N, C-alpha and C. Protein backbone atom coordinates (compact mmCIF):
# COMPACT_ATOMS: atom_id res chain seq x y z
N MET A 1 2.55 9.80 -4.40
CA MET A 1 3.43 10.60 -3.56
C MET A 1 4.38 9.66 -2.82
N ILE A 2 5.60 9.65 -3.22
CA ILE A 2 6.59 8.71 -2.69
C ILE A 2 6.81 8.88 -1.20
N GLU A 3 6.76 10.11 -0.69
CA GLU A 3 6.95 10.34 0.74
C GLU A 3 5.85 9.70 1.56
N LEU A 4 4.63 9.77 1.06
CA LEU A 4 3.49 9.15 1.75
C LEU A 4 3.62 7.63 1.74
N ASP A 5 3.97 7.06 0.59
CA ASP A 5 4.15 5.62 0.48
C ASP A 5 5.25 5.13 1.44
N THR A 6 6.33 5.88 1.51
CA THR A 6 7.44 5.54 2.40
C THR A 6 6.99 5.57 3.86
N ALA A 7 6.21 6.56 4.23
CA ALA A 7 5.72 6.68 5.61
C ALA A 7 4.79 5.52 5.97
N VAL A 8 3.86 5.18 5.09
CA VAL A 8 2.93 4.08 5.36
C VAL A 8 3.70 2.76 5.47
N TYR A 9 4.60 2.52 4.53
CA TYR A 9 5.40 1.30 4.56
C TYR A 9 6.20 1.22 5.87
N GLY A 10 6.80 2.32 6.27
CA GLY A 10 7.58 2.34 7.50
C GLY A 10 6.77 2.01 8.73
N VAL A 11 5.57 2.56 8.83
CA VAL A 11 4.70 2.28 9.99
C VAL A 11 4.28 0.82 9.99
N LEU A 12 3.87 0.30 8.84
CA LEU A 12 3.41 -1.09 8.78
C LEU A 12 4.53 -2.08 9.09
N THR A 13 5.71 -1.87 8.54
CA THR A 13 6.80 -2.82 8.74
C THR A 13 7.46 -2.68 10.11
N ALA A 14 7.18 -1.61 10.83
CA ALA A 14 7.73 -1.42 12.17
C ALA A 14 6.77 -1.90 13.26
N TYR A 15 5.55 -2.24 12.90
CA TYR A 15 4.55 -2.60 13.91
C TYR A 15 4.67 -4.09 14.24
N ALA A 16 5.11 -4.38 15.47
CA ALA A 16 5.44 -5.75 15.88
C ALA A 16 4.25 -6.71 15.76
N GLY A 17 3.06 -6.26 16.10
CA GLY A 17 1.88 -7.13 16.01
C GLY A 17 1.60 -7.57 14.59
N LEU A 18 1.88 -6.70 13.64
CA LEU A 18 1.68 -7.03 12.23
C LEU A 18 2.80 -7.92 11.70
N THR A 19 4.04 -7.57 12.00
CA THR A 19 5.15 -8.37 11.48
C THR A 19 5.18 -9.77 12.09
N ALA A 20 4.58 -9.92 13.28
CA ALA A 20 4.47 -11.26 13.87
C ALA A 20 3.60 -12.17 13.01
N LEU A 21 2.68 -11.58 12.26
CA LEU A 21 1.76 -12.36 11.42
C LEU A 21 2.23 -12.48 9.97
N VAL A 22 2.85 -11.42 9.43
CA VAL A 22 3.20 -11.42 8.00
C VAL A 22 4.70 -11.31 7.73
N SER A 23 5.50 -11.21 8.78
CA SER A 23 6.94 -11.03 8.64
C SER A 23 7.20 -9.77 7.82
N THR A 24 7.95 -9.86 6.77
CA THR A 24 8.27 -8.69 5.94
C THR A 24 7.39 -8.60 4.70
N ARG A 25 6.33 -9.39 4.64
CA ARG A 25 5.48 -9.43 3.45
C ARG A 25 4.45 -8.28 3.46
N VAL A 26 4.97 -7.08 3.28
CA VAL A 26 4.17 -5.86 3.14
C VAL A 26 4.57 -5.25 1.80
N TYR A 27 3.58 -5.10 0.92
CA TYR A 27 3.89 -4.68 -0.45
C TYR A 27 3.10 -3.43 -0.82
N GLN A 28 3.70 -2.62 -1.67
CA GLN A 28 3.03 -1.45 -2.21
C GLN A 28 2.41 -1.80 -3.57
N THR A 29 1.15 -1.49 -3.73
CA THR A 29 0.37 -1.63 -4.96
C THR A 29 0.00 -3.08 -5.27
N GLU A 30 0.98 -3.99 -5.31
CA GLU A 30 0.69 -5.37 -5.70
C GLU A 30 1.74 -6.30 -5.10
N ALA A 31 1.28 -7.47 -4.65
CA ALA A 31 2.21 -8.48 -4.16
C ALA A 31 2.87 -9.18 -5.34
N PRO A 32 4.09 -9.67 -5.17
CA PRO A 32 4.72 -10.43 -6.25
C PRO A 32 3.97 -11.73 -6.52
N GLN A 33 4.01 -12.18 -7.74
CA GLN A 33 3.38 -13.44 -8.12
C GLN A 33 3.90 -14.56 -7.21
N GLY A 34 2.99 -15.33 -6.63
CA GLY A 34 3.37 -16.46 -5.79
C GLY A 34 3.78 -16.10 -4.38
N ALA A 35 3.55 -14.86 -3.95
CA ALA A 35 3.91 -14.46 -2.58
C ALA A 35 3.17 -15.34 -1.57
N ALA A 36 3.88 -15.73 -0.53
CA ALA A 36 3.28 -16.57 0.52
C ALA A 36 2.26 -15.78 1.31
N LEU A 37 1.14 -16.44 1.62
CA LEU A 37 0.11 -15.84 2.46
C LEU A 37 0.43 -16.13 3.92
N PRO A 38 0.03 -15.27 4.84
CA PRO A 38 -0.66 -14.00 4.63
C PRO A 38 0.33 -12.88 4.28
N PHE A 39 -0.23 -11.82 3.68
CA PHE A 39 0.57 -10.64 3.40
C PHE A 39 -0.33 -9.42 3.38
N VAL A 40 0.30 -8.25 3.29
CA VAL A 40 -0.39 -6.96 3.28
C VAL A 40 -0.04 -6.24 1.99
N VAL A 41 -1.03 -5.59 1.40
CA VAL A 41 -0.82 -4.70 0.26
C VAL A 41 -1.46 -3.36 0.60
N PHE A 42 -0.74 -2.29 0.33
CA PHE A 42 -1.34 -0.96 0.45
C PHE A 42 -1.13 -0.22 -0.86
N SER A 43 -2.10 0.65 -1.18
CA SER A 43 -2.01 1.39 -2.44
C SER A 43 -2.74 2.72 -2.33
N HIS A 44 -2.22 3.70 -3.04
CA HIS A 44 -2.84 5.01 -3.12
C HIS A 44 -4.11 4.88 -3.96
N GLN A 45 -5.22 5.39 -3.46
CA GLN A 45 -6.49 5.29 -4.18
C GLN A 45 -6.97 6.62 -4.73
N ALA A 46 -6.75 7.69 -3.98
CA ALA A 46 -7.24 9.00 -4.43
C ALA A 46 -6.61 10.08 -3.56
N GLY A 47 -6.74 11.31 -4.04
CA GLY A 47 -6.33 12.44 -3.22
C GLY A 47 -5.25 13.27 -3.86
N GLY A 48 -4.85 14.28 -3.13
CA GLY A 48 -3.82 15.19 -3.59
C GLY A 48 -3.90 16.50 -2.85
N LEU A 49 -3.41 17.55 -3.49
CA LEU A 49 -3.46 18.89 -2.90
C LEU A 49 -4.90 19.36 -2.79
N GLN A 50 -5.21 20.02 -1.69
CA GLN A 50 -6.57 20.52 -1.47
C GLN A 50 -6.83 21.88 -2.13
N ASN A 51 -5.80 22.72 -2.22
CA ASN A 51 -5.93 24.04 -2.85
C ASN A 51 -7.08 24.87 -2.27
N THR A 52 -7.23 24.81 -0.94
CA THR A 52 -8.30 25.55 -0.29
C THR A 52 -7.81 26.76 0.50
N GLU A 53 -6.49 26.87 0.69
CA GLU A 53 -5.92 27.99 1.43
C GLU A 53 -4.48 28.19 0.99
N PRO A 54 -3.84 29.28 1.41
CA PRO A 54 -2.48 29.55 0.95
C PRO A 54 -1.46 28.46 1.28
N THR A 55 -1.61 27.82 2.42
CA THR A 55 -0.69 26.74 2.81
C THR A 55 -1.11 25.46 2.09
N ASP A 56 -0.13 24.76 1.52
CA ASP A 56 -0.45 23.49 0.86
C ASP A 56 -0.91 22.46 1.88
N ARG A 57 -2.01 21.79 1.56
CA ARG A 57 -2.53 20.70 2.37
C ARG A 57 -2.81 19.53 1.44
N ILE A 58 -2.57 18.32 1.95
CA ILE A 58 -2.90 17.13 1.17
C ILE A 58 -3.94 16.32 1.91
N ASP A 59 -4.74 15.62 1.15
CA ASP A 59 -5.76 14.72 1.69
C ASP A 59 -5.76 13.50 0.77
N HIS A 60 -5.25 12.37 1.26
CA HIS A 60 -5.12 11.16 0.46
C HIS A 60 -5.90 10.01 1.06
N LEU A 61 -6.34 9.10 0.21
CA LEU A 61 -6.90 7.83 0.64
C LEU A 61 -5.94 6.72 0.25
N VAL A 62 -5.58 5.90 1.23
CA VAL A 62 -4.72 4.75 1.01
C VAL A 62 -5.52 3.51 1.40
N TYR A 63 -5.55 2.53 0.52
CA TYR A 63 -6.25 1.27 0.76
C TYR A 63 -5.22 0.27 1.29
N ALA A 64 -5.38 -0.15 2.54
CA ALA A 64 -4.49 -1.14 3.14
C ALA A 64 -5.31 -2.38 3.45
N ARG A 65 -4.84 -3.55 2.96
CA ARG A 65 -5.63 -4.76 3.13
C ARG A 65 -4.75 -5.97 3.37
N ALA A 66 -5.36 -6.94 4.05
CA ALA A 66 -4.72 -8.20 4.36
C ALA A 66 -5.20 -9.25 3.38
N PHE A 67 -4.32 -10.16 3.00
CA PHE A 67 -4.66 -11.32 2.17
C PHE A 67 -4.29 -12.56 2.97
N ALA A 68 -5.19 -13.54 3.04
CA ALA A 68 -4.93 -14.76 3.80
C ALA A 68 -5.76 -15.91 3.25
N THR A 69 -5.44 -17.12 3.70
CA THR A 69 -6.14 -18.32 3.22
C THR A 69 -7.49 -18.51 3.89
N THR A 70 -7.74 -17.82 5.01
CA THR A 70 -9.03 -17.92 5.69
C THR A 70 -9.57 -16.53 5.98
N GLN A 71 -10.88 -16.46 6.17
CA GLN A 71 -11.50 -15.20 6.52
C GLN A 71 -10.97 -14.71 7.87
N MET A 72 -10.85 -15.61 8.83
CA MET A 72 -10.34 -15.23 10.15
C MET A 72 -8.88 -14.78 10.07
N GLY A 73 -8.08 -15.45 9.27
CA GLY A 73 -6.69 -15.04 9.11
C GLY A 73 -6.58 -13.63 8.56
N ALA A 74 -7.40 -13.31 7.56
CA ALA A 74 -7.40 -11.96 6.99
C ALA A 74 -7.88 -10.95 8.03
N ALA A 75 -8.87 -11.32 8.83
CA ALA A 75 -9.39 -10.41 9.86
C ALA A 75 -8.33 -10.14 10.93
N LEU A 76 -7.57 -11.15 11.32
CA LEU A 76 -6.53 -10.97 12.33
C LEU A 76 -5.43 -10.03 11.83
N VAL A 77 -5.01 -10.21 10.58
CA VAL A 77 -3.99 -9.32 10.02
C VAL A 77 -4.55 -7.91 9.87
N ASP A 78 -5.79 -7.80 9.41
CA ASP A 78 -6.41 -6.48 9.26
C ASP A 78 -6.50 -5.76 10.60
N ALA A 79 -6.77 -6.48 11.67
CA ALA A 79 -6.83 -5.86 12.99
C ALA A 79 -5.48 -5.24 13.36
N GLN A 80 -4.39 -5.87 12.94
CA GLN A 80 -3.06 -5.32 13.21
C GLN A 80 -2.75 -4.14 12.30
N ILE A 81 -3.25 -4.17 11.07
CA ILE A 81 -3.11 -3.00 10.20
C ILE A 81 -3.80 -1.81 10.85
N LYS A 82 -5.02 -2.05 11.34
CA LYS A 82 -5.77 -0.98 12.01
C LYS A 82 -5.01 -0.46 13.22
N ALA A 83 -4.48 -1.37 14.04
CA ALA A 83 -3.73 -0.95 15.22
C ALA A 83 -2.51 -0.11 14.84
N ALA A 84 -1.90 -0.43 13.72
CA ALA A 84 -0.71 0.30 13.27
C ALA A 84 -1.04 1.67 12.69
N LEU A 85 -2.14 1.78 11.94
CA LEU A 85 -2.42 3.01 11.19
C LEU A 85 -3.49 3.93 11.76
N HIS A 86 -4.56 3.38 12.32
CA HIS A 86 -5.70 4.20 12.75
C HIS A 86 -5.28 5.15 13.88
N LYS A 87 -5.55 6.41 13.70
CA LYS A 87 -5.22 7.47 14.66
C LYS A 87 -3.72 7.64 14.87
N THR A 88 -2.94 7.26 13.87
CA THR A 88 -1.49 7.43 13.92
C THR A 88 -1.11 8.70 13.17
N VAL A 89 -0.17 9.44 13.71
CA VAL A 89 0.37 10.60 13.02
C VAL A 89 1.60 10.12 12.26
N LEU A 90 1.52 10.13 10.94
CA LEU A 90 2.64 9.68 10.11
C LEU A 90 3.72 10.74 10.03
N THR A 91 4.94 10.29 9.92
CA THR A 91 6.07 11.19 9.64
C THR A 91 6.29 11.16 8.14
N ILE A 92 5.86 12.23 7.47
CA ILE A 92 5.95 12.34 6.02
C ILE A 92 6.95 13.44 5.70
N SER A 93 8.02 13.10 5.02
CA SER A 93 9.07 14.05 4.70
C SER A 93 8.50 15.28 4.01
N GLY A 94 8.76 16.46 4.59
CA GLY A 94 8.30 17.72 4.00
C GLY A 94 6.90 18.13 4.41
N TRP A 95 6.24 17.32 5.24
CA TRP A 95 4.86 17.59 5.63
C TRP A 95 4.70 17.40 7.13
N GLN A 96 3.75 18.12 7.70
CA GLN A 96 3.37 17.92 9.09
C GLN A 96 2.09 17.10 9.08
N GLY A 97 2.17 15.87 9.56
CA GLY A 97 1.05 14.96 9.46
C GLY A 97 -0.03 15.20 10.49
N PHE A 98 -1.25 14.96 10.08
CA PHE A 98 -2.39 14.92 10.99
C PHE A 98 -2.69 13.45 11.23
N GLU A 99 -3.67 13.17 12.04
CA GLU A 99 -4.02 11.78 12.29
C GLU A 99 -4.49 11.07 11.03
N THR A 100 -4.14 9.80 10.95
CA THR A 100 -4.63 8.91 9.91
C THR A 100 -5.92 8.28 10.43
N LYS A 101 -6.96 8.26 9.63
CA LYS A 101 -8.26 7.74 10.07
C LYS A 101 -8.72 6.59 9.19
N ARG A 102 -9.20 5.52 9.80
CA ARG A 102 -9.73 4.37 9.09
C ARG A 102 -11.16 4.67 8.65
N GLU A 103 -11.45 4.39 7.38
CA GLU A 103 -12.78 4.60 6.80
C GLU A 103 -13.12 3.44 5.88
N ASN A 104 -14.38 3.24 5.59
CA ASN A 104 -14.84 2.35 4.53
C ASN A 104 -14.18 0.97 4.54
N GLU A 105 -14.55 0.14 5.49
CA GLU A 105 -14.00 -1.21 5.57
C GLU A 105 -14.48 -2.07 4.40
N ILE A 106 -13.61 -2.96 3.94
CA ILE A 106 -13.89 -3.78 2.76
C ILE A 106 -13.50 -5.22 3.06
N ALA A 107 -14.36 -6.17 2.68
CA ALA A 107 -14.07 -7.60 2.82
C ALA A 107 -14.42 -8.28 1.50
N LEU A 108 -13.48 -9.06 0.96
CA LEU A 108 -13.67 -9.74 -0.32
C LEU A 108 -13.08 -11.14 -0.26
N VAL A 109 -13.53 -11.99 -1.17
CA VAL A 109 -12.89 -13.29 -1.36
C VAL A 109 -12.73 -13.52 -2.86
N GLU A 110 -11.59 -14.07 -3.24
CA GLU A 110 -11.30 -14.37 -4.65
C GLU A 110 -10.78 -15.80 -4.73
N ARG A 111 -10.53 -16.24 -5.94
CA ARG A 111 -9.89 -17.54 -6.15
C ARG A 111 -8.54 -17.31 -6.82
N ASP A 112 -7.53 -18.04 -6.35
CA ASP A 112 -6.22 -17.92 -6.98
C ASP A 112 -6.18 -18.81 -8.23
N ASN A 113 -5.05 -18.88 -8.90
CA ASN A 113 -4.93 -19.65 -10.14
C ASN A 113 -5.22 -21.13 -9.95
N ALA A 114 -5.01 -21.64 -8.74
CA ALA A 114 -5.28 -23.05 -8.46
C ALA A 114 -6.71 -23.29 -7.99
N GLY A 115 -7.49 -22.22 -7.85
CA GLY A 115 -8.88 -22.35 -7.43
C GLY A 115 -9.10 -22.22 -5.94
N ALA A 116 -8.05 -21.99 -5.17
CA ALA A 116 -8.19 -21.84 -3.71
C ALA A 116 -8.68 -20.44 -3.36
N GLN A 117 -9.45 -20.34 -2.28
CA GLN A 117 -9.93 -19.05 -1.83
C GLN A 117 -8.79 -18.22 -1.23
N VAL A 118 -8.82 -16.93 -1.54
CA VAL A 118 -7.92 -15.96 -0.92
C VAL A 118 -8.82 -14.86 -0.37
N TRP A 119 -8.78 -14.68 0.95
CA TRP A 119 -9.62 -13.70 1.63
C TRP A 119 -8.89 -12.38 1.76
N GLN A 120 -9.66 -11.29 1.63
CA GLN A 120 -9.12 -9.94 1.81
C GLN A 120 -9.95 -9.21 2.85
N ARG A 121 -9.28 -8.51 3.74
CA ARG A 121 -9.96 -7.62 4.68
C ARG A 121 -9.11 -6.37 4.78
N GLY A 122 -9.75 -5.22 4.76
CA GLY A 122 -9.00 -3.98 4.87
C GLY A 122 -9.90 -2.77 4.93
N ALA A 123 -9.31 -1.62 4.70
CA ALA A 123 -10.07 -0.37 4.76
C ALA A 123 -9.30 0.73 4.05
N MET A 124 -10.01 1.79 3.77
CA MET A 124 -9.39 3.03 3.29
C MET A 124 -8.92 3.80 4.51
N TYR A 125 -7.77 4.42 4.39
CA TYR A 125 -7.23 5.27 5.44
C TYR A 125 -7.07 6.67 4.88
N ARG A 126 -7.74 7.64 5.51
CA ARG A 126 -7.62 9.04 5.09
C ARG A 126 -6.41 9.64 5.79
N ILE A 127 -5.51 10.19 4.99
CA ILE A 127 -4.26 10.75 5.51
C ILE A 127 -4.19 12.21 5.09
N ARG A 128 -4.12 13.09 6.09
CA ARG A 128 -4.06 14.52 5.82
C ARG A 128 -2.77 15.09 6.39
N ALA A 129 -2.23 16.07 5.71
CA ALA A 129 -1.01 16.73 6.17
C ALA A 129 -0.96 18.15 5.62
N VAL A 130 -0.12 18.95 6.26
CA VAL A 130 0.08 20.34 5.83
C VAL A 130 1.57 20.55 5.57
N ASP A 131 1.86 21.38 4.58
CA ASP A 131 3.24 21.69 4.20
C ASP A 131 3.95 22.37 5.37
N VAL A 132 5.20 21.94 5.63
CA VAL A 132 5.97 22.58 6.72
C VAL A 132 6.79 23.74 6.22
């Protein structure tokens, strides 16, 4: 849902605490090859129309996570993602947003092509809205 992606991107890139750490490095779905750390990636994981009543309602899960060279660096960026999104009412074109809620926190570590650790910290965010 492009409107939802646009709303999430807008909130993340407008949040001063987050941009102080990652500048403009906020990406949808996947970061570009060789992107400088730290950065943020968000992606749609599940959801859609609820079809439970006459008014259209959506319920989506968006996975927003920080990538950094250290576990603490990823945690600091993730804390700013949480501050930006948790309990925020998104402005989604064509929809009346409800609060966004943080759920299911995730922490991972991987190795990049050079063998260096890349830490991830993030969570699923449940986003609900009703058709206006």
